[in-house]
Structure formats: structure tokens, C-alpha cells
Amino acid sequence: MTDATRLRVLTYNVHGLRDDRAALAAVVRAADADVVLVQEAPRRWRWRTKCAALARSCDLVVGGGGLPALGNLLLTSLRVRVHETRYLRFPLTPGRHLRGAVLAVCSAGGARFAVVGSHLATDPTERPVQATLLKKAMAEFDVPLVLGADLNEGAGGTAWRILADGLVDAAVTGGDERATFSCAAPRDRIDAVFVDPRFAVRRYEVIDTPQARAASDHFPVLAEVALPGA
């Protein structure tokens, strides 16, 4: 696999940037990702400035998201071109957080693809509804798709099964199904990368380093895939 056909995708719940930001930036830079799908990114006051600052600290650029995607943020390297962005907001349950997703059409290495990032609810009654709406939005793309998300449930959950249907769980293919949450006491694999079967998964890693443990309460997840048609 050459650099032209390679795509490195990182999904990362950054815990609202409440932890060691220098460590967070170092972890993302070391991952050398082309696409970073962030959960719990800035979504309130001065969110544009804060998202831009996060991108700069990671040597990346903002591709979309932030407030319009309710804290889901797309960062990319200069190798990736973002052609179109879409945002999805899930129905609000009174007393709960308003959640959503960022969706984008991108290209790299001569190949066109879609990337999607989302963060589902902690309430198990909300998640299947959110997953169904997200799956419907994803079905509108006519290009291969990569999904990175904090699902707040494991592989046996209903929402997980809805989103995984027809896609490849990069952890299973990559042979690394370690827990992604919490860094203090890892017990659940709730952060995932799913890819269209047209992508070939070449590498998958749950990044567990001292810096990652200082940066957030979730471990970041990195998948390296071969771009179809590149």
C-alpha cells in the first residue's frame, strides 16, 4: 500500500478538552491521521476559535462540525479535500443532551469517499432511534464511507448493530478489540471505526500510551485503510 492509496482515520472522544491539552495534541500528531473525527469538541461560546485552535495544535485543519454538529468535529490533513459537509441533529429528549453528527464528502489520492462522525446518547432508549436516523443519512451517500463514533454501548447493543450492518468493524478485522473506555479502568469498547467493505483494513489500533491516558477519559482509535479506486 502506497501513501497515495492509504487513509488513516482516528476517532477520539476528547472529554470536552477538560484534560491535558498538550498531551491530547501530541497523541493526535503522533497518530499521523488524514481524518480525525472528534467527539465532545467545542460547541458553545467561541466554538469556532476553540475548534480552530485544536486543529492548529494537532497540525490539522477544520473540515466541518463544531456547533452545527453538536460537538462532533471533522479535522483533516492537507492531503484530504473536503467537498461537502452535512449535519444531522437527533431529536431532543427533555432533560438530555442534544446530539448529532457531522457528515462529509472528501477525496484523497484520487479517490472520493464519505466520512461520518457521531456521539450517541448514554440513554439506551435514545440510542437505537439515533442510530436509525444516522444510518438513513449515511445511506444517502453514493461513495464508500467511513464512520467513527462513540456509541456509548458495546458490540452487542442494538444501536451498534444498526450502524454496523453492511459495514466492516475495523477492530475485528484488525484483531484489536481492546476496551476504549475508560482510560482509568478500561472495561468497554464503545468507540469504533466502521468502514465500507470496499476499503481494505490494513491496521487497527487502540492507542494506549501515558499521553493518551492524560489527554482524555477515552482512548483514541486509529484505523488505516486502503482507498478503493485510488
C-alpha atoms as a PDB file:
ATOM      1  CA  MET A   1       0.000   0.000   0.000  1.00  0.00           C
ATOM      2  CA  THR A   2       1.480   3.343  -1.074  1.00  0.00           C
ATOM      3  CA  ASP A   3       0.926   6.714   0.566  1.00  0.00           C
ATOM      4  CA  ALA A   4      -1.411   7.602  -2.303  1.00  0.00           C
ATOM      5  CA  THR A   5      -3.756   4.723  -1.543  1.00  0.00           C
ATOM      6  CA  ARG A   6      -3.535   4.924   2.270  1.00  0.00           C
ATOM      7  CA  LEU A   7      -6.092   6.621   4.519  1.00  0.00           C
ATOM      8  CA  ARG A   8      -5.537   6.889   8.273  1.00  0.00           C
ATOM      9  CA  VAL A   9      -8.668   7.598  10.304  1.00  0.00           C
ATOM     10  CA  LEU A  10      -8.712   8.481  14.001  1.00  0.00           C
ATOM     11  CA  THR A  11     -11.850   8.682  16.147  1.00  0.00           C
ATOM     12  CA  TYR A  12     -11.438  10.373  19.513  1.00  0.00           C
ATOM     13  CA  ASN A  13     -13.722  11.468  22.338  1.00  0.00           C
ATOM     14  CA  VAL A  14     -11.682  14.336  23.802  1.00  0.00           C
ATOM     15  CA  HIS A  15     -13.716  14.701  27.024  1.00  0.00           C
ATOM     16  CA  GLY A  16     -14.691  18.280  26.319  1.00  0.00           C
ATOM     17  CA  LEU A  17     -10.996  19.304  26.342  1.00  0.00           C
ATOM     18  CA  ARG A  18     -11.055  19.109  30.127  1.00  0.00           C
ATOM     19  CA  ASP A  19      -7.813  17.166  30.476  1.00  0.00           C
ATOM     20  CA  ASP A  20      -4.178  17.667  29.371  1.00  0.00           C
ATOM     21  CA  ARG A  21      -4.472  19.513  26.055  1.00  0.00           C
ATOM     22  CA  ALA A  22      -0.773  19.360  25.278  1.00  0.00           C
ATOM     23  CA  ALA A  23      -0.876  15.590  25.673  1.00  0.00           C
ATOM     24  CA  LEU A  24      -4.008  15.443  23.514  1.00  0.00           C
ATOM     25  CA  ALA A  25      -2.346  17.360  20.685  1.00  0.00           C
ATOM     26  CA  ALA A  26       0.757  15.179  20.953  1.00  0.00           C
ATOM     27  CA  VAL A  27      -1.325  11.999  20.712  1.00  0.00           C
ATOM     28  CA  VAL A  28      -3.140  13.215  17.595  1.00  0.00           C
ATOM     29  CA  ARG A  29       0.049  14.406  15.907  1.00  0.00           C
ATOM     30  CA  ALA A  30       1.772  11.090  16.605  1.00  0.00           C
ATOM     31  CA  ALA A  31      -1.154   9.208  15.044  1.00  0.00           C
ATOM     32  CA  ASP A  32      -0.397  10.947  11.725  1.00  0.00           C
ATOM     33  CA  ALA A  33      -4.050  10.669  10.696  1.00  0.00           C
ATOM     34  CA  ASP A  34      -5.541  12.022   7.485  1.00  0.00           C
ATOM     35  CA  VAL A  35      -9.010  12.246   9.037  1.00  0.00           C
ATOM     36  CA  VAL A  36      -9.792  12.838  12.719  1.00  0.00           C
ATOM     37  CA  LEU A  37     -13.383  12.501  13.934  1.00  0.00           C
ATOM     38  CA  VAL A  38     -13.681  14.245  17.289  1.00  0.00           C
ATOM     39  CA  GLN A  39     -16.449  13.827  19.839  1.00  0.00           C
ATOM     40  CA  GLU A  40     -17.066  16.388  22.603  1.00  0.00           C
ATOM     41  CA  ALA A  41     -15.367  19.151  20.649  1.00  0.00           C
ATOM     42  CA  PRO A  42     -16.219  22.813  21.417  1.00  0.00           C
ATOM     43  CA  ARG A  43     -19.867  23.551  20.677  1.00  0.00           C
ATOM     44  CA  ARG A  44     -20.692  26.653  22.695  1.00  0.00           C
ATOM     45  CA  TRP A  45     -19.237  30.140  23.227  1.00  0.00           C
ATOM     46  CA  ARG A  46     -16.380  30.926  20.792  1.00  0.00           C
ATOM     47  CA  TRP A  47     -16.599  27.408  19.403  1.00  0.00           C
ATOM     48  CA  ARG A  48     -15.084  28.388  16.043  1.00  0.00           C
ATOM     49  CA  THR A  49     -11.991  29.860  17.682  1.00  0.00           C
ATOM     50  CA  LYS A  50     -11.631  26.864  20.002  1.00  0.00           C
ATOM     51  CA  CYS A  51     -12.048  24.310  17.211  1.00  0.00           C
ATOM     52  CA  ALA A  52      -9.514  26.159  15.077  1.00  0.00           C
ATOM     53  CA  ALA A  53      -7.063  26.240  17.984  1.00  0.00           C
ATOM     54  CA  LEU A  54      -7.492  22.495  18.495  1.00  0.00           C
ATOM     55  CA  ALA A  55      -6.842  21.890  14.801  1.00  0.00           C
ATOM     56  CA  ARG A  56      -3.707  24.037  14.816  1.00  0.00           C
ATOM     57  CA  SER A  57      -2.314  22.283  17.876  1.00  0.00           C
ATOM     58  CA  CYS A  58      -2.718  18.958  16.049  1.00  0.00           C
ATOM     59  CA  ASP A  59      -1.211  20.239  12.749  1.00  0.00           C
ATOM     60  CA  LEU A  60      -4.586  19.737  11.058  1.00  0.00           C
ATOM     61  CA  VAL A  61      -7.360  21.900   9.594  1.00  0.00           C
ATOM     62  CA  VAL A  62     -11.074  22.088  10.366  1.00  0.00           C
ATOM     63  CA  GLY A  63     -13.130  20.249   7.774  1.00  0.00           C
ATOM     64  CA  GLY A  64     -16.532  20.798   9.394  1.00  0.00           C
ATOM     65  CA  GLY A  65     -18.586  20.392  12.514  1.00  0.00           C
ATOM     66  CA  GLY A  66     -18.460  22.049  15.914  1.00  0.00           C
ATOM     67  CA  LEU A  67     -21.712  23.713  16.962  1.00  0.00           C
ATOM     68  CA  PRO A  68     -23.706  22.712  13.833  1.00  0.00           C
ATOM     69  CA  ALA A  69     -22.847  19.057  14.539  1.00  0.00           C
ATOM     70  CA  LEU A  70     -23.330  19.453  18.299  1.00  0.00           C
ATOM     71  CA  GLY A  71     -19.735  18.805  19.290  1.00  0.00           C
ATOM     72  CA  ASN A  72     -18.796  16.425  16.504  1.00  0.00           C
ATOM     73  CA  LEU A  73     -15.812  17.845  14.641  1.00  0.00           C
ATOM     74  CA  LEU A  74     -14.011  16.803  11.459  1.00  0.00           C
ATOM     75  CA  LEU A  75     -10.299  17.580  11.243  1.00  0.00           C
ATOM     76  CA  THR A  76      -8.185  16.665   8.221  1.00  0.00           C
ATOM     77  CA  SER A  77      -4.634  16.831   6.968  1.00  0.00           C
ATOM     78  CA  LEU A  78      -3.907  18.955   3.907  1.00  0.00           C
ATOM     79  CA  ARG A  79      -3.847  15.728   1.902  1.00  0.00           C
ATOM     80  CA  VAL A  80      -7.627  15.441   2.239  1.00  0.00           C
ATOM     81  CA  ARG A  81     -10.000  17.740   0.385  1.00  0.00           C
ATOM     82  CA  VAL A  82     -13.479  18.282   1.824  1.00  0.00           C
ATOM     83  CA  HIS A  83     -16.033  18.807  -0.942  1.00  0.00           C
ATOM     84  CA  GLU A  84     -19.299  18.884   1.004  1.00  0.00           C
ATOM     85  CA  THR A  85     -20.429  18.870   4.635  1.00  0.00           C
ATOM     86  CA  ARG A  86     -23.772  17.906   6.121  1.00  0.00           C
ATOM     87  CA  TYR A  87     -25.055  17.981   9.681  1.00  0.00           C
ATOM     88  CA  LEU A  88     -27.607  15.860  11.480  1.00  0.00           C
ATOM     89  CA  ARG A  89     -29.368  16.695  14.748  1.00  0.00           C
ATOM     90  CA  PHE A  90     -31.117  13.951  16.641  1.00  0.00           C
ATOM     91  CA  PRO A  91     -34.475  14.583  18.362  1.00  0.00           C
ATOM     92  CA  LEU A  92     -34.109  16.153  21.791  1.00  0.00           C
ATOM     93  CA  THR A  93     -35.348  14.234  24.794  1.00  0.00           C
ATOM     94  CA  PRO A  94     -36.195  16.744  27.553  1.00  0.00           C
ATOM     95  CA  GLY A  95     -33.527  16.747  30.214  1.00  0.00           C
ATOM     96  CA  ARG A  96     -30.941  15.131  27.923  1.00  0.00           C
ATOM     97  CA  HIS A  97     -28.102  16.449  25.770  1.00  0.00           C
ATOM     98  CA  LEU A  98     -28.876  17.448  22.192  1.00  0.00           C
ATOM     99  CA  ARG A  99     -26.705  15.258  19.976  1.00  0.00           C
ATOM    100  CA  GLY A 100     -25.937  14.904  16.292  1.00  0.00           C
ATOM    101  CA  ALA A 101     -23.401  14.033  13.616  1.00  0.00           C
ATOM    102  CA  VAL A 102     -21.031  15.513  11.057  1.00  0.00           C
ATOM    103  CA  LEU A 103     -21.018  14.025   7.556  1.00  0.00           C
ATOM    104  CA  ALA A 104     -18.713  14.991   4.697  1.00  0.00           C
ATOM    105  CA  VAL A 105     -17.721  14.011   1.177  1.00  0.00           C
ATOM    106  CA  CYS A 106     -13.938  14.058   0.799  1.00  0.00           C
ATOM    107  CA  SER A 107     -11.198  12.954  -1.565  1.00  0.00           C
ATOM    108  CA  ALA A 108      -7.581  11.884  -1.266  1.00  0.00           C
ATOM    109  CA  GLY A 109      -5.169  10.042  -3.503  1.00  0.00           C
ATOM    110  CA  GLY A 110      -7.581  10.266  -6.422  1.00  0.00           C
ATOM    111  CA  ALA A 111     -10.392   8.525  -4.509  1.00  0.00           C
ATOM    112  CA  ARG A 112     -13.658  10.028  -3.328  1.00  0.00           C
ATOM    113  CA  PHE A 113     -15.247   8.860  -0.063  1.00  0.00           C
ATOM    114  CA  ALA A 114     -17.516   9.959   2.780  1.00  0.00           C
ATOM    115  CA  VAL A 115     -16.637  10.330   6.448  1.00  0.00           C
ATOM    116  CA  VAL A 116     -19.132  10.426   9.308  1.00  0.00           C
ATOM    117  CA  GLY A 117     -18.612  11.186  12.983  1.00  0.00           C
ATOM    118  CA  SER A 118     -21.155  10.928  15.790  1.00  0.00           C
ATOM    119  CA  HIS A 119     -21.637  10.548  19.534  1.00  0.00           C
ATOM    120  CA  LEU A 120     -24.732   8.637  20.630  1.00  0.00           C
ATOM    121  CA  ALA A 121     -26.658   9.086  23.857  1.00  0.00           C
ATOM    122  CA  THR A 122     -25.902   7.491  27.194  1.00  0.00           C
ATOM    123  CA  ASP A 123     -29.616   6.606  27.451  1.00  0.00           C
ATOM    124  CA  PRO A 124     -30.221   3.147  25.941  1.00  0.00           C
ATOM    125  CA  THR A 125     -33.747   4.124  24.882  1.00  0.00           C
ATOM    126  CA  GLU A 126     -32.449   7.007  22.756  1.00  0.00           C
ATOM    127  CA  ARG A 127     -29.553   5.269  21.029  1.00  0.00           C
ATOM    128  CA  PRO A 128     -31.482   2.975  18.629  1.00  0.00           C
ATOM    129  CA  VAL A 129     -33.528   5.928  17.361  1.00  0.00           C
ATOM    130  CA  GLN A 130     -30.383   7.990  16.840  1.00  0.00           C
ATOM    131  CA  ALA A 131     -28.623   5.085  15.135  1.00  0.00           C
ATOM    132  CA  THR A 132     -31.558   4.560  12.767  1.00  0.00           C
ATOM    133  CA  LEU A 133     -31.587   8.240  11.771  1.00  0.00           C
ATOM    134  CA  LEU A 134     -27.826   8.239  11.265  1.00  0.00           C
ATOM    135  CA  LYS A 135     -27.967   5.051   9.197  1.00  0.00           C
ATOM    136  CA  LYS A 136     -30.601   6.651   6.965  1.00  0.00           C
ATOM    137  CA  ALA A 137     -28.423   9.739   6.466  1.00  0.00           C
ATOM    138  CA  MET A 138     -25.398   7.572   5.672  1.00  0.00           C
ATOM    139  CA  ALA A 139     -27.369   5.666   3.049  1.00  0.00           C
ATOM    140  CA  GLU A 140     -27.695   8.867   1.013  1.00  0.00           C
ATOM    141  CA  PHE A 141     -24.012   8.753   0.047  1.00  0.00           C
ATOM    142  CA  ASP A 142     -23.074   7.006  -3.197  1.00  0.00           C
ATOM    143  CA  VAL A 143     -19.368   6.712  -2.302  1.00  0.00           C
ATOM    144  CA  PRO A 144     -17.529   4.401   0.136  1.00  0.00           C
ATOM    145  CA  LEU A 145     -17.976   5.518   3.716  1.00  0.00           C
ATOM    146  CA  VAL A 146     -16.019   5.573   6.972  1.00  0.00           C
ATOM    147  CA  LEU A 147     -17.806   6.018  10.302  1.00  0.00           C
ATOM    148  CA  GLY A 148     -16.021   6.930  13.530  1.00  0.00           C
ATOM    149  CA  ALA A 149     -18.147   7.240  16.639  1.00  0.00           C
ATOM    150  CA  ASP A 150     -18.566   6.989  20.376  1.00  0.00           C
ATOM    151  CA  LEU A 151     -21.598   4.711  20.526  1.00  0.00           C
ATOM    152  CA  ASN A 152     -21.867   4.598  24.328  1.00  0.00           C
ATOM    153  CA  GLU A 153     -22.510   0.862  24.052  1.00  0.00           C
ATOM    154  CA  GLY A 154     -20.644  -2.267  23.040  1.00  0.00           C
ATOM    155  CA  ALA A 155     -20.901  -4.597  20.068  1.00  0.00           C
ATOM    156  CA  GLY A 156     -23.920  -6.420  21.474  1.00  0.00           C
ATOM    157  CA  GLY A 157     -26.061  -3.286  21.610  1.00  0.00           C
ATOM    158  CA  THR A 158     -28.971  -2.524  19.311  1.00  0.00           C
ATOM    159  CA  ALA A 159     -27.585   0.814  18.106  1.00  0.00           C
ATOM    160  CA  TRP A 160     -24.211  -0.763  17.415  1.00  0.00           C
ATOM    161  CA  ARG A 161     -25.809  -3.497  15.298  1.00  0.00           C
ATOM    162  CA  ILE A 162     -27.863  -0.953  13.366  1.00  0.00           C
ATOM    163  CA  LEU A 163     -24.831   1.119  12.423  1.00  0.00           C
ATOM    164  CA  ALA A 164     -22.541  -1.852  11.785  1.00  0.00           C
ATOM    165  CA  ASP A 165     -24.970  -3.510   9.377  1.00  0.00           C
ATOM    166  CA  GLY A 166     -23.313  -3.725   5.960  1.00  0.00           C
ATOM    167  CA  LEU A 167     -20.042  -2.240   7.226  1.00  0.00           C
ATOM    168  CA  VAL A 168     -16.791  -3.739   8.496  1.00  0.00           C
ATOM    169  CA  ASP A 169     -15.813  -3.327  12.144  1.00  0.00           C
ATOM    170  CA  ALA A 170     -12.148  -2.338  11.801  1.00  0.00           C
ATOM    171  CA  ALA A 171     -11.329  -3.712  15.258  1.00  0.00           C
ATOM    172  CA  VAL A 172     -12.450  -7.212  14.350  1.00  0.00           C
ATOM    173  CA  THR A 173     -10.562  -7.175  11.047  1.00  0.00           C
ATOM    174  CA  GLY A 174      -7.531  -5.582  12.660  1.00  0.00           C
ATOM    175  CA  GLY A 175      -7.517  -8.038  15.543  1.00  0.00           C
ATOM    176  CA  ASP A 176      -7.539  -5.492  18.380  1.00  0.00           C
ATOM    177  CA  GLU A 177     -10.813  -5.487  20.296  1.00  0.00           C
ATOM    178  CA  ARG A 178      -9.441  -3.889  23.456  1.00  0.00           C
ATOM    179  CA  ALA A 179     -11.617  -1.609  25.585  1.00  0.00           C
ATOM    180  CA  THR A 180     -11.610   2.084  24.679  1.00  0.00           C
ATOM    181  CA  PHE A 181     -13.242   3.420  27.859  1.00  0.00           C
ATOM    182  CA  SER A 182     -12.329   4.413  30.427  1.00  0.00           C
ATOM    183  CA  CYS A 183      -8.614   5.204  30.412  1.00  0.00           C
ATOM    184  CA  ALA A 184      -8.562   4.916  34.205  1.00  0.00           C
ATOM    185  CA  ALA A 185     -10.205   1.484  34.234  1.00  0.00           C
ATOM    186  CA  PRO A 186     -10.668   0.086  30.694  1.00  0.00           C
ATOM    187  CA  ARG A 187     -13.790  -2.060  30.562  1.00  0.00           C
ATOM    188  CA  ASP A 188     -15.847  -1.302  27.428  1.00  0.00           C
ATOM    189  CA  ARG A 189     -15.237  -0.982  23.690  1.00  0.00           C
ATOM    190  CA  ILE A 190     -17.645   1.840  22.921  1.00  0.00           C
ATOM    191  CA  ASP A 191     -15.549   3.803  20.404  1.00  0.00           C
ATOM    192  CA  ALA A 192     -15.420   2.308  16.926  1.00  0.00           C
ATOM    193  CA  VAL A 193     -14.421   2.725  13.308  1.00  0.00           C
ATOM    194  CA  PHE A 194     -16.651   1.093  10.703  1.00  0.00           C
ATOM    195  CA  VAL A 195     -15.733   1.070   7.020  1.00  0.00           C
ATOM    196  CA  ASP A 196     -17.367   0.211   3.738  1.00  0.00           C
ATOM    197  CA  PRO A 197     -16.345  -3.294   2.579  1.00  0.00           C
ATOM    198  CA  ARG A 198     -14.660  -1.657  -0.418  1.00  0.00           C
ATOM    199  CA  PHE A 199     -11.989  -0.359   1.978  1.00  0.00           C
ATOM    200  CA  ALA A 200      -9.326  -2.890   2.941  1.00  0.00           C
ATOM    201  CA  VAL A 201      -8.402  -2.563   6.631  1.00  0.00           C
ATOM    202  CA  ARG A 202      -4.604  -2.713   6.900  1.00  0.00           C
ATOM    203  CA  ARG A 203      -4.156  -1.703  10.517  1.00  0.00           C
ATOM    204  CA  TYR A 204      -6.223  -1.006  13.613  1.00  0.00           C
ATOM    205  CA  GLU A 205      -5.018   0.212  16.997  1.00  0.00           C
ATOM    206  CA  VAL A 206      -6.407   1.370  20.323  1.00  0.00           C
ATOM    207  CA  ILE A 207      -3.790   3.950  21.288  1.00  0.00           C
ATOM    208  CA  ASP A 208      -2.909   3.317  24.921  1.00  0.00           C
ATOM    209  CA  THR A 209       0.061   5.457  25.935  1.00  0.00           C
ATOM    210  CA  PRO A 210       0.837   7.604  29.002  1.00  0.00           C
ATOM    211  CA  GLN A 211      -0.030  10.690  26.960  1.00  0.00           C
ATOM    212  CA  ALA A 212      -3.340   9.181  25.845  1.00  0.00           C
ATOM    213  CA  ARG A 213      -4.226   8.404  29.447  1.00  0.00           C
ATOM    214  CA  ALA A 214      -3.520  12.034  30.389  1.00  0.00           C
ATOM    215  CA  ALA A 215      -5.389  13.519  27.431  1.00  0.00           C
ATOM    216  CA  SER A 216      -8.942  12.178  27.821  1.00  0.00           C
ATOM    217  CA  ASP A 217     -11.115   9.573  29.523  1.00  0.00           C
ATOM    218  CA  HIS A 218     -11.342   7.672  26.195  1.00  0.00           C
ATOM    219  CA  PHE A 219      -8.544   6.035  24.250  1.00  0.00           C
ATOM    220  CA  PRO A 220      -8.306   7.174  20.623  1.00  0.00           C
ATOM    221  CA  VAL A 221      -8.875   4.558  17.939  1.00  0.00           C
ATOM    222  CA  LEU A 222      -6.831   4.529  14.726  1.00  0.00           C
ATOM    223  CA  ALA A 223      -7.643   2.613  11.548  1.00  0.00           C
ATOM    224  CA  GLU A 224      -5.541   2.531   8.394  1.00  0.00           C
ATOM    225  CA  VAL A 225      -7.333   1.500   5.235  1.00  0.00           C
ATOM    226  CA  ALA A 226      -6.628   1.231   1.536  1.00  0.00           C
ATOM    227  CA  LEU A 227      -8.681   3.630  -0.526  1.00  0.00           C
ATOM    228  CA  PRO A 228     -10.801   1.922  -3.182  1.00  0.00           C
ATOM    229  CA  GLY A 229     -10.136   3.142  -6.697  1.00  0.00           C
ATOM    230  CA  ALA A 230      -7.128   5.268  -5.752  1.00  0.00           C
END
